[in-house]
């Protein structure tokens, strides 16, 4: 991956992670294809973009890559090194509105719909816009593709569609119907992701369309921006800056994180080779409490971790699930080699620090 002199992050980490994905997934179906990545300035979308560029540079895949995000070109900070490439066309798009078709090629072979806010602080800020992003955005692209010889479409949904499952439904399988209501402050995010899935399901009935939904939980890794705002990034910045992590609560909630290259390995396998419509995409080997996560980060900086025993939760963590753990049986059954040499949480955090030039 070429060096970009004004780029504030360490791209060599992404290069190594792209190599990991190439070694594990048969990507030959992507050769000579036209690929659209929405949300290309986000964690998952940017990694997919980098991987496509890596395939072009290293293996001459000749992918024609269309990238879009809400940011104007000069502000797409995560993918600044990509946007001026000859094999890339970038355009800004607010996907709470229908996509402007003049920005699209006549035929899209693959769309990776990675748009939407993954950070609670963002999707709670404008709940109506949050809902429209997950409904209007995918529908407008699916409609365009269905009218132009079809193609493959991946919708990034979320494990939050399950709400706050009871203990007996953790780890949570794909057939769990969910436990949430409209009074939940995260309802616009949860319900719109569910509706987005319904829209995808209906388009998948068309013979020319191959549509998949990925219920992603807690992907992390190199590619996060310094102002990302999610809990792991917040801990890293606090530890690096203040040598102290002041938590929002006591950190009792349990999470299963999944490293970015392991996450994208699943997304590509399900898109290119998967037999099912919907898959869970999450970690299932290394549960950690939020307090334990803070301690792991603190250990890299010799930083003190201070839990907040005040029970009044901030809006961003109010109604958050007490435990997130996905049942990965469906995917593991279909792709039995998955799980060999998964990235540990400690190694993943170390790679983030290298990405941020903090180590």
Protein backbone atom coordinates (compact mmCIF):
# COMPACT_ATOMS: atom_id res chain seq x y z
CA UNK A 1 0.00 0.00 0.00
CA UNK A 2 1.54 3.33 -1.03
CA UNK A 3 2.68 5.79 1.57
CA UNK A 4 0.67 9.00 1.83
CA UNK A 5 2.86 11.74 3.26
CA UNK A 6 0.06 13.79 4.84
CA UNK A 7 -1.78 10.78 6.25
CA UNK A 8 -1.75 10.85 10.07
CA UNK A 9 -2.08 7.09 10.57
CA UNK A 10 0.15 4.04 10.04
CA UNK A 11 -1.08 2.38 6.85
CA UNK A 12 1.34 -0.55 7.14
CA UNK A 13 -0.97 -2.06 9.77
CA UNK A 14 -3.85 -2.10 7.27
CA UNK A 15 -1.54 -3.61 4.66
CA UNK A 16 -0.79 -6.56 6.96
CA UNK A 17 -4.48 -7.05 7.76
CA UNK A 18 -5.34 -7.07 4.05
CA UNK A 19 -2.78 -9.84 3.60
CA UNK A 20 -4.54 -11.83 6.33
CA UNK A 21 -7.87 -11.59 4.52
CA UNK A 22 -6.39 -12.53 1.15
CA UNK A 23 -4.82 -15.63 2.70
CA UNK A 24 -8.17 -16.77 4.13
CA UNK A 25 -10.88 -15.90 1.59
CA UNK A 26 -11.26 -16.89 -2.06
CA UNK A 27 -11.69 -13.46 -3.62
CA UNK A 28 -11.38 -14.36 -7.29
CA UNK A 29 -15.01 -13.43 -7.96
CA UNK A 30 -14.05 -9.78 -7.37
CA UNK A 31 -11.69 -9.66 -10.36
CA UNK A 32 -12.69 -7.17 -13.06
CA UNK A 33 -15.77 -6.16 -11.04
CA UNK A 34 -17.33 -2.79 -10.32
CA UNK A 35 -17.70 -2.32 -6.58
CA UNK A 36 -19.57 0.37 -4.64
CA UNK A 37 -18.70 0.94 -0.98
CA UNK A 38 -20.93 3.29 1.00
CA UNK A 39 -19.85 4.56 4.38
CA UNK A 40 -16.35 4.31 2.97
CA UNK A 41 -14.93 6.69 5.57
CA UNK A 42 -16.01 4.42 8.44
CA UNK A 43 -14.21 1.51 10.05
CA UNK A 44 -15.57 -1.38 7.98
CA UNK A 45 -16.20 0.51 4.74
CA UNK A 46 -12.69 1.94 4.70
CA UNK A 47 -11.16 -1.48 5.25
CA UNK A 48 -13.15 -2.90 2.32
CA UNK A 49 -11.93 0.06 0.23
CA UNK A 50 -8.32 -0.53 1.25
CA UNK A 51 -8.65 -4.23 0.50
CA UNK A 52 -9.92 -3.53 -3.03
CA UNK A 53 -7.01 -1.16 -3.66
CA UNK A 54 -4.65 -3.79 -2.21
CA UNK A 55 -6.06 -6.40 -4.62
CA UNK A 56 -5.55 -4.05 -7.55
CA UNK A 57 -2.01 -3.11 -6.56
CA UNK A 58 -0.79 -6.55 -5.52
CA UNK A 59 -2.71 -8.97 -7.74
CA UNK A 60 -3.92 -6.79 -10.65
CA UNK A 61 -7.61 -7.44 -9.93
CA UNK A 62 -8.64 -4.43 -12.01
CA UNK A 63 -11.52 -3.57 -9.67
CA UNK A 64 -13.37 -0.37 -10.55
CA UNK A 65 -14.06 1.13 -7.16
CA UNK A 66 -16.76 3.65 -6.29
CA UNK A 67 -16.52 5.10 -2.79
CA UNK A 68 -18.99 7.35 -1.02
CA UNK A 69 -19.58 8.75 2.44
CA UNK A 70 -21.26 11.77 3.99
CA UNK A 71 -17.94 13.65 3.98
CA UNK A 72 -16.83 15.87 1.15
CA UNK A 73 -13.79 14.51 -0.62
CA UNK A 74 -11.24 16.66 1.23
CA UNK A 75 -12.78 15.68 4.59
CA UNK A 76 -12.85 11.92 4.02
CA UNK A 77 -9.89 11.65 6.35
CA UNK A 78 -9.77 7.88 6.71
CA UNK A 79 -9.50 7.26 2.96
CA UNK A 80 -7.57 10.33 1.82
CA UNK A 81 -4.92 8.03 0.38
CA UNK A 82 -7.53 6.35 -1.85
CA UNK A 83 -9.76 9.08 -3.22
CA UNK A 84 -7.44 10.37 -5.96
CA UNK A 85 -6.44 6.99 -7.36
CA UNK A 86 -7.19 6.32 -11.04
CA UNK A 87 -9.16 3.19 -10.14
CA UNK A 88 -11.35 5.05 -7.62
CA UNK A 89 -14.25 7.43 -8.02
CA UNK A 90 -15.31 9.21 -4.83
CA UNK A 91 -18.48 11.21 -4.27
CA UNK A 92 -20.23 12.58 -1.20
CA UNK A 93 -23.72 11.26 -0.42
CA UNK A 94 -26.17 11.88 2.41
CA UNK A 95 -27.85 8.49 2.35
CA UNK A 96 -30.89 9.65 4.25
CA UNK A 97 -31.85 10.81 0.72
CA UNK A 98 -32.01 8.68 -2.44
CA UNK A 99 -28.66 8.29 -4.17
CA UNK A 100 -27.98 10.54 -7.17
CA UNK A 101 -27.84 8.09 -10.02
CA UNK A 102 -25.50 10.18 -12.15
CA UNK A 103 -22.74 9.27 -9.67
CA UNK A 104 -23.21 5.55 -10.34
CA UNK A 105 -21.84 3.30 -13.08
CA UNK A 106 -24.28 1.66 -15.47
CA UNK A 107 -23.74 -1.69 -13.75
CA UNK A 108 -22.78 -2.36 -10.13
CA UNK A 109 -21.52 -5.88 -9.48
CA UNK A 110 -21.13 -5.56 -5.71
CA UNK A 111 -22.38 -3.03 -3.17
CA UNK A 112 -21.12 -3.04 0.40
CA UNK A 113 -23.60 -0.84 2.26
CA UNK A 114 -21.54 0.20 5.28
CA UNK A 115 -23.29 3.53 5.89
CA UNK A 116 -24.88 4.52 9.16
CA UNK A 117 -23.77 5.55 12.59
CA UNK A 118 -22.15 2.82 14.67
CA UNK A 119 -21.52 5.14 17.61
CA UNK A 120 -24.45 5.64 20.02
CA UNK A 121 -23.40 9.25 20.55
CA UNK A 122 -24.05 9.82 16.83
CA UNK A 123 -27.14 7.73 16.18
CA UNK A 124 -28.85 9.22 19.24
CA UNK A 125 -28.13 12.78 18.13
CA UNK A 126 -30.50 12.80 15.14
CA UNK A 127 -32.83 9.84 15.46
CA UNK A 128 -34.94 10.62 12.39
CA UNK A 129 -31.89 10.88 10.16
CA UNK A 130 -30.57 7.67 11.70
CA UNK A 131 -33.75 5.87 10.67
CA UNK A 132 -33.77 7.25 7.12
CA UNK A 133 -30.13 6.27 6.51
CA UNK A 134 -30.97 2.62 7.14
CA UNK A 135 -34.10 2.62 4.97
CA UNK A 136 -33.91 5.23 2.19
CA UNK A 137 -30.22 4.63 1.52
CA UNK A 138 -30.26 0.88 0.86
CA UNK A 139 -33.62 0.99 -0.93
CA UNK A 140 -32.38 3.57 -3.44
CA UNK A 141 -29.30 1.50 -4.37
CA UNK A 142 -31.18 -1.80 -4.45
CA UNK A 143 -33.79 -0.26 -6.74
CA UNK A 144 -31.08 1.04 -9.06
CA UNK A 145 -29.29 -2.32 -9.14
CA UNK A 146 -32.48 -4.27 -9.73
CA UNK A 147 -33.26 -2.05 -12.72
CA UNK A 148 -29.72 -2.38 -14.11
CA UNK A 149 -29.07 -6.10 -14.44
CA UNK A 150 -28.95 -6.87 -10.73
CA UNK A 151 -25.89 -7.71 -8.64
CA UNK A 152 -24.69 -8.51 -5.15
CA UNK A 153 -25.58 -6.36 -2.15
CA UNK A 154 -24.40 -6.59 1.48
CA UNK A 155 -26.29 -4.63 4.13
CA UNK A 156 -24.50 -4.01 7.41
CA UNK A 157 -27.17 -4.45 10.04
CA UNK A 158 -26.44 -4.71 13.76
CA UNK A 159 -26.68 -7.07 16.70
CA UNK A 160 -28.80 -4.36 18.34
CA UNK A 161 -31.79 -5.76 16.42
CA UNK A 162 -31.86 -8.38 19.19
CA UNK A 163 -32.38 -5.71 21.85
CA UNK A 164 -31.44 -6.92 25.32
CA UNK A 165 -31.81 -10.73 25.14
CA UNK A 166 -32.56 -12.81 28.20
CA UNK A 167 -29.77 -14.96 29.62
CA UNK A 168 -31.03 -18.10 27.93
CA UNK A 169 -30.77 -16.37 24.54
CA UNK A 170 -27.09 -15.49 24.91
CA UNK A 171 -25.18 -16.23 22.76
CA UNK A 172 -27.92 -15.01 20.45
CA UNK A 173 -28.77 -16.97 17.26
CA UNK A 174 -30.06 -15.47 14.03
CA UNK A 175 -33.59 -16.80 14.63
CA UNK A 176 -34.04 -14.87 17.90
CA UNK A 177 -36.84 -12.38 17.29
CA UNK A 178 -35.53 -9.59 19.50
CA UNK A 179 -36.52 -7.81 22.68
CA UNK A 180 -36.92 -4.06 22.31
CA UNK A 181 -39.67 -1.43 22.25
CA UNK A 182 -40.34 2.10 21.04
CA UNK A 183 -39.59 3.61 24.44
CA UNK A 184 -36.00 2.44 24.12
CA UNK A 185 -33.88 5.51 23.36
CA UNK A 186 -32.12 3.46 20.66
CA UNK A 187 -35.40 2.51 18.94
CA UNK A 188 -34.80 4.52 15.74
CA UNK A 189 -31.51 2.71 15.20
CA UNK A 190 -32.86 -0.75 16.06
CA UNK A 191 -36.17 -0.51 14.18
CA UNK A 192 -34.65 1.04 11.06
CA UNK A 193 -32.00 -1.67 10.86
CA UNK A 194 -34.81 -4.24 11.08
CA UNK A 195 -36.73 -2.47 8.33
CA UNK A 196 -33.56 -2.27 6.27
CA UNK A 197 -33.30 -6.04 6.58
CA UNK A 198 -36.92 -6.43 5.43
CA UNK A 199 -36.23 -4.29 2.36
CA UNK A 200 -33.16 -6.38 1.58
CA UNK A 201 -35.17 -9.58 2.02
CA UNK A 202 -37.75 -8.45 -0.51
CA UNK A 203 -35.15 -7.45 -3.10
CA UNK A 204 -33.39 -10.77 -2.57
CA UNK A 205 -36.46 -12.51 -4.01
CA UNK A 206 -35.63 -11.03 -7.40
CA UNK A 207 -33.76 -13.48 -9.60
CA UNK A 208 -31.02 -11.01 -10.58
CA UNK A 209 -30.24 -10.01 -6.98
CA UNK A 210 -28.05 -11.68 -4.36
CA UNK A 211 -28.63 -9.79 -1.10
CA UNK A 212 -27.15 -10.55 2.31
CA UNK A 213 -27.56 -9.01 5.77
CA UNK A 214 -24.79 -9.00 8.37
CA UNK A 215 -25.71 -8.44 12.01
CA UNK A 216 -22.42 -7.00 13.16
CA UNK A 217 -21.43 -6.62 16.79
CA UNK A 218 -18.50 -4.65 18.13
CA UNK A 219 -15.99 -4.64 15.29
CA UNK A 220 -12.80 -2.81 16.20
CA UNK A 221 -9.26 -2.35 15.03
CA UNK A 222 -6.97 -0.17 12.92
CA UNK A 223 -8.97 2.24 10.82
CA UNK A 224 -10.72 4.04 13.64
CA UNK A 225 -10.27 7.81 13.60
CA UNK A 226 -8.92 9.66 16.61
CA UNK A 227 -12.31 11.28 17.23
CA UNK A 228 -14.30 8.04 16.79
CA UNK A 229 -16.05 8.28 20.17
CA UNK A 230 -16.75 4.59 20.78
CA UNK A 231 -15.77 3.12 24.10
CA UNK A 232 -12.50 1.42 23.12
CA UNK A 233 -11.24 4.47 21.26
CA UNK A 234 -12.33 6.67 24.18
CA UNK A 235 -10.32 4.53 26.60
CA UNK A 236 -7.23 4.70 24.40
CA UNK A 237 -7.33 8.49 24.09
CA UNK A 238 -7.93 8.94 27.82
CA UNK A 239 -5.11 6.56 28.74
CA UNK A 240 -2.66 8.09 26.26
CA UNK A 241 -3.51 11.69 27.15
CA UNK A 242 -4.21 11.62 30.89
CA UNK A 243 -2.77 8.28 32.06
CA UNK A 244 -6.19 7.82 33.58
CA UNK A 245 -9.45 6.25 32.38
CA UNK A 246 -12.54 7.65 34.07
CA UNK A 247 -15.43 5.38 33.19
CA UNK A 248 -19.09 6.29 32.66
CA UNK A 249 -20.30 3.48 34.93
CA UNK A 250 -18.87 0.48 36.78
CA UNK A 251 -18.19 -1.39 33.56
CA UNK A 252 -20.12 -4.56 34.39
CA UNK A 253 -21.53 -5.09 30.88
CA UNK A 254 -20.04 -7.99 28.95
CA UNK A 255 -18.95 -7.67 25.33
CA UNK A 256 -17.47 -9.90 22.62
CA UNK A 257 -15.34 -7.85 20.24
CA UNK A 258 -14.30 -8.88 16.74
CA UNK A 259 -11.14 -7.63 15.07
CA UNK A 260 -11.58 -5.82 11.76
CA UNK A 261 -9.83 -8.33 9.48
CA UNK A 262 -11.70 -11.25 11.11
CA UNK A 263 -14.94 -9.28 10.66
CA UNK A 264 -14.30 -8.55 6.97
CA UNK A 265 -13.28 -12.17 6.39
CA UNK A 266 -16.81 -13.16 7.47
CA UNK A 267 -18.47 -10.39 5.45
CA UNK A 268 -16.68 -11.41 2.26
CA UNK A 269 -17.27 -15.12 2.71
CA UNK A 270 -20.99 -14.62 3.32
CA UNK A 271 -21.28 -12.25 0.34
CA UNK A 272 -19.28 -14.33 -2.12
CA UNK A 273 -20.00 -17.86 -0.94
CA UNK A 274 -22.73 -17.81 1.74
CA UNK A 275 -25.86 -19.96 1.52
CA UNK A 276 -28.01 -17.96 3.98
CA UNK A 277 -29.60 -14.51 3.81
CA UNK A 278 -28.59 -13.29 7.27
CA UNK A 279 -25.54 -14.00 9.40
CA UNK A 280 -24.29 -12.96 12.80
CA UNK A 281 -20.87 -11.32 12.66
CA UNK A 282 -19.21 -11.09 16.04
CA UNK A 283 -16.60 -12.46 18.38
CA UNK A 284 -17.40 -15.63 20.27
CA UNK A 285 -14.12 -16.61 21.92
CA UNK A 286 -13.02 -13.83 24.29
CA UNK A 287 -15.73 -12.22 26.46
CA UNK A 288 -14.65 -9.12 28.35
CA UNK A 289 -16.35 -6.69 30.70
CA UNK A 290 -16.14 -3.00 29.89
CA UNK A 291 -14.07 -2.61 33.06
CA UNK A 292 -11.80 -5.43 31.89
CA UNK A 293 -11.44 -3.71 28.53
CA UNK A 294 -10.42 -0.51 30.28
CA UNK A 295 -7.83 -2.44 32.25
CA UNK A 296 -6.39 -3.97 29.08
CA UNK A 297 -6.02 -0.52 27.54
CA UNK A 298 -4.68 0.92 30.78
CA UNK A 299 -1.96 -1.74 30.90
CA UNK A 300 -0.45 -0.43 27.65
CA UNK A 301 -0.04 3.04 29.16
CA UNK A 302 0.32 2.27 32.87
CA UNK A 303 -2.91 4.23 33.27
CA UNK A 304 -5.26 4.15 36.25
CA UNK A 305 -8.81 2.87 35.66
CA UNK A 306 -11.51 4.59 37.72
CA UNK A 307 -15.04 3.11 37.56
CA UNK A 308 -17.99 5.44 38.10
CA UNK A 309 -20.23 4.11 40.87
CA UNK A 310 -22.89 6.76 40.20
CA UNK A 311 -25.85 4.79 38.84
CA UNK A 312 -27.12 7.65 36.66
CA UNK A 313 -26.16 6.55 33.17
CA UNK A 314 -25.37 8.98 30.40
CA UNK A 315 -27.71 8.97 27.40
CA UNK A 316 -25.16 7.21 25.18
CA UNK A 317 -25.11 4.10 27.38
CA UNK A 318 -28.71 4.19 28.59
CA UNK A 319 -30.62 1.08 27.41
CA UNK A 320 -27.44 -0.47 26.01
CA UNK A 321 -27.55 -4.27 26.22
CA UNK A 322 -26.04 -5.64 29.43
CA UNK A 323 -24.39 -8.43 27.46
CA UNK A 324 -23.61 -8.76 23.76
CA UNK A 325 -22.66 -12.20 22.54
CA UNK A 326 -23.61 -13.68 19.17
CA UNK A 327 -24.07 -17.33 18.30
CA UNK A 328 -21.72 -17.96 15.37
CA UNK A 329 -22.82 -21.56 14.78
CA UNK A 330 -24.40 -20.83 11.38
CA UNK A 331 -21.25 -19.25 9.99
CA UNK A 332 -18.85 -21.73 11.61
CA UNK A 333 -20.85 -24.67 10.24
CA UNK A 334 -20.72 -23.28 6.72
CA UNK A 335 -17.09 -22.10 6.90
CA UNK A 336 -15.39 -24.59 9.26
CA UNK A 337 -11.87 -23.21 8.85
CA UNK A 338 -12.95 -19.93 10.46
CA UNK A 339 -11.45 -19.42 13.89
CA UNK A 340 -7.91 -20.47 13.15
CA UNK A 341 -5.53 -17.78 14.37
CA UNK A 342 -8.16 -15.19 15.26
CA UNK A 343 -6.71 -11.90 16.49
CA UNK A 344 -6.72 -11.71 20.28
CA UNK A 345 -8.06 -8.60 21.99
CA UNK A 346 -4.63 -7.72 23.34
CA UNK A 347 -3.07 -8.00 19.88
CA UNK A 348 -5.94 -6.03 18.36
CA UNK A 349 -5.45 -3.18 20.82
CA UNK A 350 -1.72 -3.24 20.12
CA UNK A 351 -2.44 -2.93 16.38
CA UNK A 352 -4.71 0.06 17.02
CA UNK A 353 -1.92 1.76 18.93
CA UNK A 354 0.45 1.15 16.02
CA UNK A 355 -2.20 2.53 13.64
CA UNK A 356 -2.51 5.65 15.79
CA UNK A 357 1.30 5.94 16.03
CA UNK A 358 1.06 5.52 19.80
CA UNK A 359 3.45 2.58 19.88
